[in-house]
Amino acid sequence: MNHFARAIQIAAAAILVGSTAWMAAMAAEPVLATQKNRAFQPGSIELAPGEALRILNDDGPLLHHAYVRSPRFSFDSGEQKPGATVDIVFSELGSYTVLCGIHPKMRLAVVVR
């Protein structure tokens, strides 16, 4: 087998391994945080890159609005009705803060390692 064919095989294997890890992360159950009593519970979460954070509005009749703004990542759920969930996938390493656009004191610290 020539060097070019061998390089193609190695590259294909690397893509397969990387995509398998990515698919496993995507298939895993999201990490759950709730919005209750006008607070995120828990108040901080650690995730792996590509892991999903699911936020559930479990706050009775209250509306919420989760958003993240950082130089590396932005997300905006829009209005979250009671019982609604929203998933956020953080693909880059770093520290982020999830805020509520309706209740400014609500903060969820997210660290992606």
PDB file of N, CA and C in Angstrom:
ATOM      1  N   MET A   1       0.861  -1.179   0.000  1.00  0.00           N
ATOM      2  CA  MET A   1       0.000   0.000   0.000  1.00  0.00           C
ATOM      3  C   MET A   1       0.901   1.234   0.000  1.00  0.00           C
ATOM      4  N   ASN A   2       0.557   2.216  -0.823  1.00  0.00           N
ATOM      5  CA  ASN A   2       1.411   3.398  -0.901  1.00  0.00           C
ATOM      6  C   ASN A   2       1.115   4.345   0.259  1.00  0.00           C
ATOM      7  N   HIS A   3       1.966   5.339   0.419  1.00  0.00           N
ATOM      8  CA  HIS A   3       1.850   6.280   1.549  1.00  0.00           C
ATOM      9  C   HIS A   3       0.572   7.105   1.479  1.00  0.00           C
ATOM     10  N   PHE A   4       0.143   7.458   0.267  1.00  0.00           N
ATOM     11  CA  PHE A   4      -1.072   8.267   0.112  1.00  0.00           C
ATOM     12  C   PHE A   4      -2.302   7.496   0.597  1.00  0.00           C
ATOM     13  N   ALA A   5      -2.421   6.227   0.204  1.00  0.00           N
ATOM     14  CA  ALA A   5      -3.563   5.402   0.617  1.00  0.00           C
ATOM     15  C   ALA A   5      -3.546   5.208   2.139  1.00  0.00           C
ATOM     16  N   ARG A   6      -2.378   5.026   2.696  1.00  0.00           N
ATOM     17  CA  ARG A   6      -2.251   4.855   4.160  1.00  0.00           C
ATOM     18  C   ARG A   6      -2.665   6.140   4.886  1.00  0.00           C
ATOM     19  N   ALA A   7      -2.270   7.296   4.363  1.00  0.00           N
ATOM     20  CA  ALA A   7      -2.652   8.580   4.968  1.00  0.00           C
ATOM     21  C   ALA A   7      -4.172   8.763   4.923  1.00  0.00           C
ATOM     22  N   ILE A   8      -4.793   8.346   3.825  1.00  0.00           N
ATOM     23  CA  ILE A   8      -6.258   8.432   3.700  1.00  0.00           C
ATOM     24  C   ILE A   8      -6.912   7.540   4.759  1.00  0.00           C
ATOM     25  N   GLN A   9      -6.414   6.337   4.949  1.00  0.00           N
ATOM     26  CA  GLN A   9      -6.972   5.422   5.953  1.00  0.00           C
ATOM     27  C   GLN A   9      -6.844   6.014   7.360  1.00  0.00           C
ATOM     28  N   ILE A  10      -5.716   6.593   7.679  1.00  0.00           N
ATOM     29  CA  ILE A  10      -5.495   7.188   8.998  1.00  0.00           C
ATOM     30  C   ILE A  10      -6.448   8.365   9.205  1.00  0.00           C
ATOM     31  N   ALA A  11      -6.588   9.213   8.197  1.00  0.00           N
ATOM     32  CA  ALA A  11      -7.494  10.368   8.303  1.00  0.00           C
ATOM     33  C   ALA A  11      -8.933   9.905   8.486  1.00  0.00           C
ATOM     34  N   ALA A  12      -9.346   8.888   7.743  1.00  0.00           N
ATOM     35  CA  ALA A  12     -10.713   8.362   7.856  1.00  0.00           C
ATOM     36  C   ALA A  12     -10.952   7.792   9.249  1.00  0.00           C
ATOM     37  N   ALA A  13      -9.967   7.076   9.777  1.00  0.00           N
ATOM     38  CA  ALA A  13     -10.102   6.516  11.131  1.00  0.00           C
ATOM     39  C   ALA A  13     -10.217   7.629  12.167  1.00  0.00           C
ATOM     40  N   ALA A  14      -9.444   8.690  12.018  1.00  0.00           N
ATOM     41  CA  ALA A  14      -9.502   9.812  12.958  1.00  0.00           C
ATOM     42  C   ALA A  14     -10.873  10.490  12.899  1.00  0.00           C
ATOM     43  N   ILE A  15     -11.410  10.655  11.711  1.00  0.00           N
ATOM     44  CA  ILE A  15     -12.740  11.261  11.561  1.00  0.00           C
ATOM     45  C   ILE A  15     -13.788  10.369  12.213  1.00  0.00           C
ATOM     46  N   LEU A  16     -13.686   9.068  12.013  1.00  0.00           N
ATOM     47  CA  LEU A  16     -14.644   8.129  12.593  1.00  0.00           C
ATOM     48  C   LEU A  16     -14.606   8.172  14.119  1.00  0.00           C
ATOM     49  N   VAL A  17     -13.412   8.168  14.692  1.00  0.00           N
ATOM     50  CA  VAL A  17     -13.280   8.218  16.149  1.00  0.00           C
ATOM     51  C   VAL A  17     -13.834   9.539  16.680  1.00  0.00           C
ATOM     52  N   GLY A  18     -13.488  10.650  16.053  1.00  0.00           N
ATOM     53  CA  GLY A  18     -13.979  11.956  16.498  1.00  0.00           C
ATOM     54  C   GLY A  18     -15.483  12.071  16.378  1.00  0.00           C
ATOM     55  N   SER A  19     -16.043  11.590  15.274  1.00  0.00           N
ATOM     56  CA  SER A  19     -17.498  11.693  15.095  1.00  0.00           C
ATOM     57  C   SER A  19     -18.228  10.756  16.038  1.00  0.00           C
ATOM     58  N   THR A  20     -17.644   9.617  16.371  1.00  0.00           N
ATOM     59  CA  THR A  20     -18.260   8.698  17.323  1.00  0.00           C
ATOM     60  C   THR A  20     -18.328   9.343  18.699  1.00  0.00           C
ATOM     61  N   ALA A  21     -17.271  10.002  19.133  1.00  0.00           N
ATOM     62  CA  ALA A  21     -17.278  10.698  20.427  1.00  0.00           C
ATOM     63  C   ALA A  21     -18.302  11.822  20.425  1.00  0.00           C
ATOM     64  N   TRP A  22     -18.382  12.551  19.315  1.00  0.00           N
ATOM     65  CA  TRP A  22     -19.354  13.643  19.208  1.00  0.00           C
ATOM     66  C   TRP A  22     -20.771  13.090  19.266  1.00  0.00           C
ATOM     67  N   MET A  23     -21.048  11.985  18.543  1.00  0.00           N
ATOM     68  CA  MET A  23     -22.386  11.396  18.552  1.00  0.00           C
ATOM     69  C   MET A  23     -22.733  10.866  19.936  1.00  0.00           C
ATOM     70  N   ALA A  24     -21.765  10.308  20.655  1.00  0.00           N
ATOM     71  CA  ALA A  24     -22.022   9.820  22.008  1.00  0.00           C
ATOM     72  C   ALA A  24     -22.395  10.975  22.925  1.00  0.00           C
ATOM     73  N   ALA A  25     -21.693  12.104  22.805  1.00  0.00           N
ATOM     74  CA  ALA A  25     -22.019  13.278  23.622  1.00  0.00           C
ATOM     75  C   ALA A  25     -23.409  13.788  23.283  1.00  0.00           C
ATOM     76  N   MET A  26     -23.755  13.779  21.994  1.00  0.00           N
ATOM     77  CA  MET A  26     -25.065  14.269  21.570  1.00  0.00           C
ATOM     78  C   MET A  26     -26.180  13.313  21.997  1.00  0.00           C
ATOM     79  N   ALA A  27     -25.887  12.009  22.098  1.00  0.00           N
ATOM     80  CA  ALA A  27     -26.898  11.027  22.457  1.00  0.00           C
ATOM     81  C   ALA A  27     -27.127  10.962  23.961  1.00  0.00           C
ATOM     82  N   ALA A  28     -26.194  11.464  24.758  1.00  0.00           N
ATOM     83  CA  ALA A  28     -26.323  11.417  26.210  1.00  0.00           C
ATOM     84  C   ALA A  28     -27.484  12.292  26.663  1.00  0.00           C
ATOM     85  N   GLU A  29     -28.086  11.913  27.758  1.00  0.00           N
ATOM     86  CA  GLU A  29     -29.158  12.724  28.338  1.00  0.00           C
ATOM     87  C   GLU A  29     -28.613  14.098  28.703  1.00  0.00           C
ATOM     88  N   PRO A  30     -29.378  15.135  28.426  1.00  0.00           N
ATOM     89  CA  PRO A  30     -28.935  16.476  28.817  1.00  0.00           C
ATOM     90  C   PRO A  30     -28.846  16.612  30.342  1.00  0.00           C
ATOM     91  N   VAL A  31     -27.977  17.496  30.798  1.00  0.00           N
ATOM     92  CA  VAL A  31     -27.877  17.827  32.214  1.00  0.00           C
ATOM     93  C   VAL A  31     -29.033  18.786  32.510  1.00  0.00           C
ATOM     94  N   LEU A  32     -29.789  18.530  33.572  1.00  0.00           N
ATOM     95  CA  LEU A  32     -30.997  19.298  33.857  1.00  0.00           C
ATOM     96  C   LEU A  32     -30.761  20.392  34.893  1.00  0.00           C
ATOM     97  N   ALA A  33     -31.266  21.568  34.587  1.00  0.00           N
ATOM     98  CA  ALA A  33     -31.361  22.674  35.549  1.00  0.00           C
ATOM     99  C   ALA A  33     -32.810  23.148  35.482  1.00  0.00           C
ATOM    100  N   THR A  34     -33.356  23.562  36.614  1.00  0.00           N
ATOM    101  CA  THR A  34     -34.729  24.059  36.619  1.00  0.00           C
ATOM    102  C   THR A  34     -34.757  25.542  36.941  1.00  0.00           C
ATOM    103  N   GLN A  35     -35.839  26.153  36.544  1.00  0.00           N
ATOM    104  CA  GLN A  35     -36.133  27.532  36.920  1.00  0.00           C
ATOM    105  C   GLN A  35     -37.293  27.423  37.904  1.00  0.00           C
ATOM    106  N   LYS A  36     -37.016  27.702  39.169  1.00  0.00           N
ATOM    107  CA  LYS A  36     -38.022  27.545  40.215  1.00  0.00           C
ATOM    108  C   LYS A  36     -37.767  28.588  41.293  1.00  0.00           C
ATOM    109  N   ASN A  37     -38.843  29.167  41.802  1.00  0.00           N
ATOM    110  CA  ASN A  37     -38.734  30.214  42.828  1.00  0.00           C
ATOM    111  C   ASN A  37     -37.847  31.366  42.352  1.00  0.00           C
ATOM    112  N   ARG A  38     -37.982  31.694  41.067  1.00  0.00           N
ATOM    113  CA  ARG A  38     -37.211  32.764  40.433  1.00  0.00           C
ATOM    114  C   ARG A  38     -35.700  32.590  40.614  1.00  0.00           C
ATOM    115  N   ALA A  39     -35.258  31.325  40.483  1.00  0.00           N
ATOM    116  CA  ALA A  39     -33.829  30.997  40.582  1.00  0.00           C
ATOM    117  C   ALA A  39     -33.545  29.780  39.714  1.00  0.00           C
ATOM    118  N   PHE A  40     -32.297  29.678  39.235  1.00  0.00           N
ATOM    119  CA  PHE A  40     -31.854  28.454  38.587  1.00  0.00           C
ATOM    120  C   PHE A  40     -31.429  27.492  39.676  1.00  0.00           C
ATOM    121  N   GLN A  41     -31.817  26.230  39.521  1.00  0.00           N
ATOM    122  CA  GLN A  41     -31.437  25.213  40.491  1.00  0.00           C
ATOM    123  C   GLN A  41     -30.885  24.018  39.739  1.00  0.00           C
ATOM    124  N   PRO A  42     -29.635  23.629  39.954  1.00  0.00           N
ATOM    125  CA  PRO A  42     -28.655  24.245  40.846  1.00  0.00           C
ATOM    126  C   PRO A  42     -28.165  25.571  40.277  1.00  0.00           C
ATOM    127  N   GLY A  43     -27.357  26.247  41.056  1.00  0.00           N
ATOM    128  CA  GLY A  43     -26.840  27.555  40.650  1.00  0.00           C
ATOM    129  C   GLY A  43     -25.584  27.485  39.804  1.00  0.00           C
ATOM    130  N   SER A  44     -24.984  26.280  39.721  1.00  0.00           N
ATOM    131  CA  SER A  44     -23.799  26.111  38.875  1.00  0.00           C
ATOM    132  C   SER A  44     -23.758  24.685  38.347  1.00  0.00           C
ATOM    133  N   ILE A  45     -23.205  24.553  37.142  1.00  0.00           N
ATOM    134  CA  ILE A  45     -23.154  23.259  36.471  1.00  0.00           C
ATOM    135  C   ILE A  45     -21.845  23.153  35.713  1.00  0.00           C
ATOM    136  N   GLU A  46     -21.299  21.936  35.664  1.00  0.00           N
ATOM    137  CA  GLU A  46     -20.110  21.649  34.877  1.00  0.00           C
ATOM    138  C   GLU A  46     -20.505  20.725  33.730  1.00  0.00           C
ATOM    139  N   LEU A  47     -20.049  21.042  32.530  1.00  0.00           N
ATOM    140  CA  LEU A  47     -20.365  20.248  31.346  1.00  0.00           C
ATOM    141  C   LEU A  47     -19.102  19.908  30.573  1.00  0.00           C
ATOM    142  N   ALA A  48     -19.203  18.891  29.747  1.00  0.00           N
ATOM    143  CA  ALA A  48     -18.148  18.581  28.780  1.00  0.00           C
ATOM    144  C   ALA A  48     -18.500  19.292  27.482  1.00  0.00           C
ATOM    145  N   PRO A  49     -17.524  19.613  26.648  1.00  0.00           N
ATOM    146  CA  PRO A  49     -17.834  20.245  25.362  1.00  0.00           C
ATOM    147  C   PRO A  49     -18.821  19.384  24.570  1.00  0.00           C
ATOM    148  N   GLY A  50     -19.854  20.003  24.024  1.00  0.00           N
ATOM    149  CA  GLY A  50     -20.861  19.289  23.254  1.00  0.00           C
ATOM    150  C   GLY A  50     -21.993  18.705  24.071  1.00  0.00           C
ATOM    151  N   GLU A  51     -21.848  18.715  25.390  1.00  0.00           N
ATOM    152  CA  GLU A  51     -22.905  18.190  26.261  1.00  0.00           C
ATOM    153  C   GLU A  51     -24.036  19.220  26.359  1.00  0.00           C
ATOM    154  N   ALA A  52     -25.268  18.734  26.372  1.00  0.00           N
ATOM    155  CA  ALA A  52     -26.427  19.629  26.401  1.00  0.00           C
ATOM    156  C   ALA A  52     -26.863  19.939  27.828  1.00  0.00           C
ATOM    157  N   LEU A  53     -27.234  21.183  28.022  1.00  0.00           N
ATOM    158  CA  LEU A  53     -27.855  21.645  29.267  1.00  0.00           C
ATOM    159  C   LEU A  53     -29.334  21.834  28.955  1.00  0.00           C
ATOM    160  N   ARG A  54     -30.203  21.163  29.677  1.00  0.00           N
ATOM    161  CA  ARG A  54     -31.650  21.317  29.499  1.00  0.00           C
ATOM    162  C   ARG A  54     -32.175  22.166  30.652  1.00  0.00           C
ATOM    163  N   ILE A  55     -32.875  23.238  30.304  1.00  0.00           N
ATOM    164  CA  ILE A  55     -33.466  24.116  31.313  1.00  0.00           C
ATOM    165  C   ILE A  55     -34.974  23.950  31.262  1.00  0.00           C
ATOM    166  N   LEU A  56     -35.558  23.620  32.411  1.00  0.00           N
ATOM    167  CA  LEU A  56     -36.994  23.405  32.557  1.00  0.00           C
ATOM    168  C   LEU A  56     -37.603  24.542  33.354  1.00  0.00           C
ATOM    169  N   ASN A  57     -38.617  25.185  32.810  1.00  0.00           N
ATOM    170  CA  ASN A  57     -39.366  26.194  33.563  1.00  0.00           C
ATOM    171  C   ASN A  57     -40.367  25.456  34.438  1.00  0.00           C
ATOM    172  N   ASP A  58     -40.011  25.319  35.697  1.00  0.00           N
ATOM    173  CA  ASP A  58     -40.819  24.607  36.692  1.00  0.00           C
ATOM    174  C   ASP A  58     -41.269  25.595  37.769  1.00  0.00           C
ATOM    175  N   ASP A  59     -41.628  26.784  37.340  1.00  0.00           N
ATOM    176  CA  ASP A  59     -41.883  27.895  38.267  1.00  0.00           C
ATOM    177  C   ASP A  59     -43.348  28.333  38.242  1.00  0.00           C
ATOM    178  N   GLY A  60     -44.255  27.345  38.344  1.00  0.00           N
ATOM    179  CA  GLY A  60     -45.682  27.679  38.401  1.00  0.00           C
ATOM    180  C   GLY A  60     -46.118  28.445  37.174  1.00  0.00           C
ATOM    181  N   PRO A  61     -46.814  29.555  37.357  1.00  0.00           N
ATOM    182  CA  PRO A  61     -47.327  30.304  36.218  1.00  0.00           C
ATOM    183  C   PRO A  61     -46.346  31.320  35.621  1.00  0.00           C
ATOM    184  N   LEU A  62     -45.110  31.383  36.146  1.00  0.00           N
ATOM    185  CA  LEU A  62     -44.169  32.417  35.708  1.00  0.00           C
ATOM    186  C   LEU A  62     -43.532  32.105  34.356  1.00  0.00           C
ATOM    187  N   LEU A  63     -43.332  33.147  33.569  1.00  0.00           N
ATOM    188  CA  LEU A  63     -42.560  33.054  32.337  1.00  0.00           C
ATOM    189  C   LEU A  63     -41.086  33.279  32.665  1.00  0.00           C
ATOM    190  N   HIS A  64     -40.204  32.646  31.875  1.00  0.00           N
ATOM    191  CA  HIS A  64     -38.768  32.892  31.986  1.00  0.00           C
ATOM    192  C   HIS A  64     -38.211  33.094  30.584  1.00  0.00           C
ATOM    193  N   HIS A  65     -36.934  33.456  30.505  1.00  0.00           N
ATOM    194  CA  HIS A  65     -36.282  33.735  29.224  1.00  0.00           C
ATOM    195  C   HIS A  65     -34.782  33.540  29.443  1.00  0.00           C
ATOM    196  N   ALA A  66     -34.262  32.369  29.055  1.00  0.00           N
ATOM    197  CA  ALA A  66     -32.838  32.066  29.255  1.00  0.00           C
ATOM    198  C   ALA A  66     -32.007  32.602  28.103  1.00  0.00           C
ATOM    199  N   TYR A  67     -30.891  33.226  28.451  1.00  0.00           N
ATOM    200  CA  TYR A  67     -29.980  33.686  27.396  1.00  0.00           C
ATOM    201  C   TYR A  67     -28.540  33.665  27.890  1.00  0.00           C
ATOM    202  N   VAL A  68     -27.625  33.586  26.913  1.00  0.00           N
ATOM    203  CA  VAL A  68     -26.184  33.622  27.161  1.00  0.00           C
ATOM    204  C   VAL A  68     -25.595  34.585  26.142  1.00  0.00           C
ATOM    205  N   ARG A  69     -24.747  35.479  26.622  1.00  0.00           N
ATOM    206  CA  ARG A  69     -24.011  36.366  25.705  1.00  0.00           C
ATOM    207  C   ARG A  69     -22.552  36.380  26.135  1.00  0.00           C
ATOM    208  N   SER A  70     -21.714  35.888  25.264  1.00  0.00           N
ATOM    209  CA  SER A  70     -20.278  35.921  25.520  1.00  0.00           C
ATOM    210  C   SER A  70     -19.594  36.092  24.172  1.00  0.00           C
ATOM    211  N   PRO A  71     -18.330  36.495  24.172  1.00  0.00           N
ATOM    212  CA  PRO A  71     -17.617  36.630  22.891  1.00  0.00           C
ATOM    213  C   PRO A  71     -17.536  35.315  22.112  1.00  0.00           C
ATOM    214  N   ARG A  72     -17.575  34.182  22.839  1.00  0.00           N
ATOM    215  CA  ARG A  72     -17.437  32.874  22.197  1.00  0.00           C
ATOM    216  C   ARG A  72     -18.762  32.212  21.847  1.00  0.00           C
ATOM    217  N   PHE A  73     -19.870  32.663  22.464  1.00  0.00           N
ATOM    218  CA  PHE A  73     -21.125  31.920  22.327  1.00  0.00           C
ATOM    219  C   PHE A  73     -22.306  32.810  22.695  1.00  0.00           C
ATOM    220  N   SER A  74     -23.363  32.717  21.911  1.00  0.00           N
ATOM    221  CA  SER A  74     -24.603  33.431  22.227  1.00  0.00           C
ATOM    222  C   SER A  74     -25.779  32.486  22.068  1.00  0.00           C
ATOM    223  N   PHE A  75     -26.767  32.658  22.937  1.00  0.00           N
ATOM    224  CA  PHE A  75     -27.977  31.842  22.897  1.00  0.00           C
ATOM    225  C   PHE A  75     -29.127  32.671  23.439  1.00  0.00           C
ATOM    226  N   ASP A  76     -30.305  32.499  22.876  1.00  0.00           N
ATOM    227  CA  ASP A  76     -31.498  33.192  23.351  1.00  0.00           C
ATOM    228  C   ASP A  76     -32.692  32.265  23.170  1.00  0.00           C
ATOM    229  N   SER A  77     -33.317  31.874  24.281  1.00  0.00           N
ATOM    230  CA  SER A  77     -34.439  30.938  24.231  1.00  0.00           C
ATOM    231  C   SER A  77     -35.737  31.596  23.806  1.00  0.00           C
ATOM    232  N   GLY A  78     -35.794  32.920  23.920  1.00  0.00           N
ATOM    233  CA  GLY A  78     -37.088  33.563  23.764  1.00  0.00           C
ATOM    234  C   GLY A  78     -37.918  33.278  25.017  1.00  0.00           C
ATOM    235  N   GLU A  79     -39.180  33.600  24.960  1.00  0.00           N
ATOM    236  CA  GLU A  79     -40.065  33.406  26.111  1.00  0.00           C
ATOM    237  C   GLU A  79     -40.262  31.918  26.389  1.00  0.00           C
ATOM    238  N   GLN A  80     -40.069  31.531  27.658  1.00  0.00           N
ATOM    239  CA  GLN A  80     -40.280  30.151  28.074  1.00  0.00           C
ATOM    240  C   GLN A  80     -41.544  30.082  28.918  1.00  0.00           C
ATOM    241  N   LYS A  81     -42.542  29.404  28.411  1.00  0.00           N
ATOM    242  CA  LYS A  81     -43.793  29.256  29.145  1.00  0.00           C
ATOM    243  C   LYS A  81     -43.629  28.210  30.242  1.00  0.00           C
ATOM    244  N   PRO A  82     -44.514  28.213  31.244  1.00  0.00           N
ATOM    245  CA  PRO A  82     -44.449  27.197  32.302  1.00  0.00           C
ATOM    246  C   PRO A  82     -44.455  25.781  31.711  1.00  0.00           C
ATOM    247  N   GLY A  83     -43.553  24.945  32.220  1.00  0.00           N
ATOM    248  CA  GLY A  83     -43.427  23.561  31.757  1.00  0.00           C
ATOM    249  C   GLY A  83     -42.545  23.389  30.537  1.00  0.00           C
ATOM    250  N   ALA A  84     -42.157  24.472  29.894  1.00  0.00           N
ATOM    251  CA  ALA A  84     -41.329  24.385  28.684  1.00  0.00           C
ATOM    252  C   ALA A  84     -39.883  24.050  29.033  1.00  0.00           C
ATOM    253  N   THR A  85     -39.209  23.363  28.107  1.00  0.00           N
ATOM    254  CA  THR A  85     -37.776  23.094  28.247  1.00  0.00           C
ATOM    255  C   THR A  85     -37.052  23.698  27.054  1.00  0.00           C
ATOM    256  N   VAL A  86     -35.795  23.991  27.280  1.00  0.00           N
ATOM    257  CA  VAL A  86     -34.930  24.481  26.220  1.00  0.00           C
ATOM    258  C   VAL A  86     -33.561  23.828  26.432  1.00  0.00           C
ATOM    259  N   ASP A  87     -32.923  23.407  25.349  1.00  0.00           N
ATOM    260  CA  ASP A  87     -31.597  22.798  25.416  1.00  0.00           C
ATOM    261  C   ASP A  87     -30.563  23.781  24.881  1.00  0.00           C
ATOM    262  N   ILE A  88     -29.448  23.859  25.591  1.00  0.00           N
ATOM    263  CA  ILE A  88     -28.324  24.688  25.170  1.00  0.00           C
ATOM    264  C   ILE A  88     -27.108  23.771  25.086  1.00  0.00           C
ATOM    265  N   VAL A  89     -26.417  23.807  23.949  1.00  0.00           N
ATOM    266  CA  VAL A  89     -25.202  23.001  23.783  1.00  0.00           C
ATOM    267  C   VAL A  89     -24.015  23.946  23.723  1.00  0.00           C
ATOM    268  N   PHE A  90     -23.108  23.791  24.673  1.00  0.00           N
ATOM    269  CA  PHE A  90     -21.888  24.592  24.745  1.00  0.00           C
ATOM    270  C   PHE A  90     -20.769  23.784  24.104  1.00  0.00           C
ATOM    271  N   SER A  91     -20.259  24.235  22.971  1.00  0.00           N
ATOM    272  CA  SER A  91     -19.241  23.460  22.262  1.00  0.00           C
ATOM    273  C   SER A  91     -17.814  23.886  22.599  1.00  0.00           C
ATOM    274  N   GLU A  92     -17.656  25.072  23.169  1.00  0.00           N
ATOM    275  CA  GLU A  92     -16.309  25.575  23.462  1.00  0.00           C
ATOM    276  C   GLU A  92     -16.034  25.581  24.965  1.00  0.00           C
ATOM    277  N   LEU A  93     -14.790  25.293  25.324  1.00  0.00           N
ATOM    278  CA  LEU A  93     -14.355  25.352  26.716  1.00  0.00           C
ATOM    279  C   LEU A  93     -14.511  26.777  27.243  1.00  0.00           C
ATOM    280  N   GLY A  94     -14.776  26.901  28.532  1.00  0.00           N
ATOM    281  CA  GLY A  94     -14.847  28.223  29.129  1.00  0.00           C
ATOM    282  C   GLY A  94     -15.913  28.317  30.195  1.00  0.00           C
ATOM    283  N   SER A  95     -16.056  29.508  30.735  1.00  0.00           N
ATOM    284  CA  SER A  95     -17.061  29.807  31.755  1.00  0.00           C
ATOM    285  C   SER A  95     -18.122  30.707  31.142  1.00  0.00           C
ATOM    286  N   TYR A  96     -19.368  30.387  31.422  1.00  0.00           N
ATOM    287  CA  TYR A  96     -20.502  31.115  30.862  1.00  0.00           C
ATOM    288  C   TYR A  96     -21.504  31.416  31.979  1.00  0.00           C
ATOM    289  N   THR A  97     -22.355  32.398  31.749  1.00  0.00           N
ATOM    290  CA  THR A  97     -23.439  32.704  32.673  1.00  0.00           C
ATOM    291  C   THR A  97     -24.745  32.686  31.896  1.00  0.00           C
ATOM    292  N   VAL A  98     -25.684  31.845  32.359  1.00  0.00           N
ATOM    293  CA  VAL A  98     -27.024  31.826  31.789  1.00  0.00           C
ATOM    294  C   VAL A  98     -27.859  32.771  32.636  1.00  0.00           C
ATOM    295  N   LEU A  99     -28.549  33.689  31.986  1.00  0.00           N
ATOM    296  CA  LEU A  99     -29.362  34.692  32.679  1.00  0.00           C
ATOM    297  C   LEU A  99     -30.814  34.557  32.250  1.00  0.00           C
ATOM    298  N   CYS A 100     -31.706  35.167  33.026  1.00  0.00           N
ATOM    299  CA  CYS A 100     -33.122  35.241  32.676  1.00  0.00           C
ATOM    300  C   CYS A 100     -33.430  36.681  32.283  1.00  0.00           C
ATOM    301  N   GLY A 101     -33.974  36.867  31.084  1.00  0.00           N
ATOM    302  CA  GLY A 101     -34.293  38.205  30.603  1.00  0.00           C
ATOM    303  C   GLY A 101     -35.465  38.842  31.326  1.00  0.00           C
ATOM    304  N   ILE A 102     -36.213  38.052  32.094  1.00  0.00           N
ATOM    305  CA  ILE A 102     -37.372  38.573  32.819  1.00  0.00           C
ATOM    306  C   ILE A 102     -37.039  38.830  34.284  1.00  0.00           C
ATOM    307  N   HIS A 103     -36.187  37.981  34.858  1.00  0.00           N
ATOM    308  CA  HIS A 103     -35.811  38.087  36.268  1.00  0.00           C
ATOM    309  C   HIS A 103     -34.296  38.279  36.355  1.00  0.00           C
ATOM    310  N   PRO A 104     -33.819  39.524  36.370  1.00  0.00           N
ATOM    311  CA  PRO A 104     -32.384  39.802  36.253  1.00  0.00           C
ATOM    312  C   PRO A 104     -31.495  39.215  37.353  1.00  0.00           C
ATOM    313  N   LYS A 105     -32.056  38.839  38.483  1.00  0.00           N
ATOM    314  CA  LYS A 105     -31.222  38.267  39.552  1.00  0.00           C
ATOM    315  C   LYS A 105     -30.940  36.782  39.342  1.00  0.00           C
ATOM    316  N   MET A 106     -31.614  36.168  38.379  1.00  0.00           N
ATOM    317  CA  MET A 106     -31.408  34.741  38.104  1.00  0.00           C
ATOM    318  C   MET A 106     -30.106  34.554  37.328  1.00  0.00           C
ATOM    319  N   ARG A 107     -29.228  33.706  37.855  1.00  0.00           N
ATOM    320  CA  ARG A 107     -27.941  33.417  37.209  1.00  0.00           C
ATOM    321  C   ARG A 107     -27.603  31.938  37.393  1.00  0.00           C
ATOM    322  N   LEU A 108     -27.120  31.345  36.303  1.00  0.00           N
ATOM    323  CA  LEU A 108     -26.636  29.982  36.338  1.00  0.00           C
ATOM    324  C   LEU A 108     -25.224  29.977  35.777  1.00  0.00           C
ATOM    325  N   ALA A 109     -24.252  29.604  36.605  1.00  0.00           N
ATOM    326  CA  ALA A 109     -22.851  29.535  36.178  1.00  0.00           C
ATOM    327  C   ALA A 109     -22.623  28.191  35.491  1.00  0.00           C
ATOM    328  N   VAL A 110     -22.060  28.226  34.283  1.00  0.00           N
ATOM    329  CA  VAL A 110     -21.765  27.018  33.517  1.00  0.00           C
ATOM    330  C   VAL A 110     -20.274  27.014  33.207  1.00  0.00           C
ATOM    331  N   VAL A 111     -19.613  25.915  33.570  1.00  0.00           N
ATOM    332  CA  VAL A 111     -18.201  25.735  33.240  1.00  0.00           C
ATOM    333  C   VAL A 111     -18.103  24.539  32.298  1.00  0.00           C
ATOM    334  N   VAL A 112     -17.498  24.762  31.147  1.00  0.00           N
ATOM    335  CA  VAL A 112     -17.310  23.702  30.164  1.00  0.00           C
ATOM    336  C   VAL A 112     -15.835  23.322  30.193  1.00  0.00           C
ATOM    337  N   ARG A 113     -15.531  22.071  30.584  1.00  0.00           N
ATOM    338  CA  ARG A 113     -14.155  21.570  30.696  1.00  0.00           C
ATOM    339  C   ARG A 113     -13.952  20.357  29.821  1.00  0.00           C
TER     340      ARG A 113
END
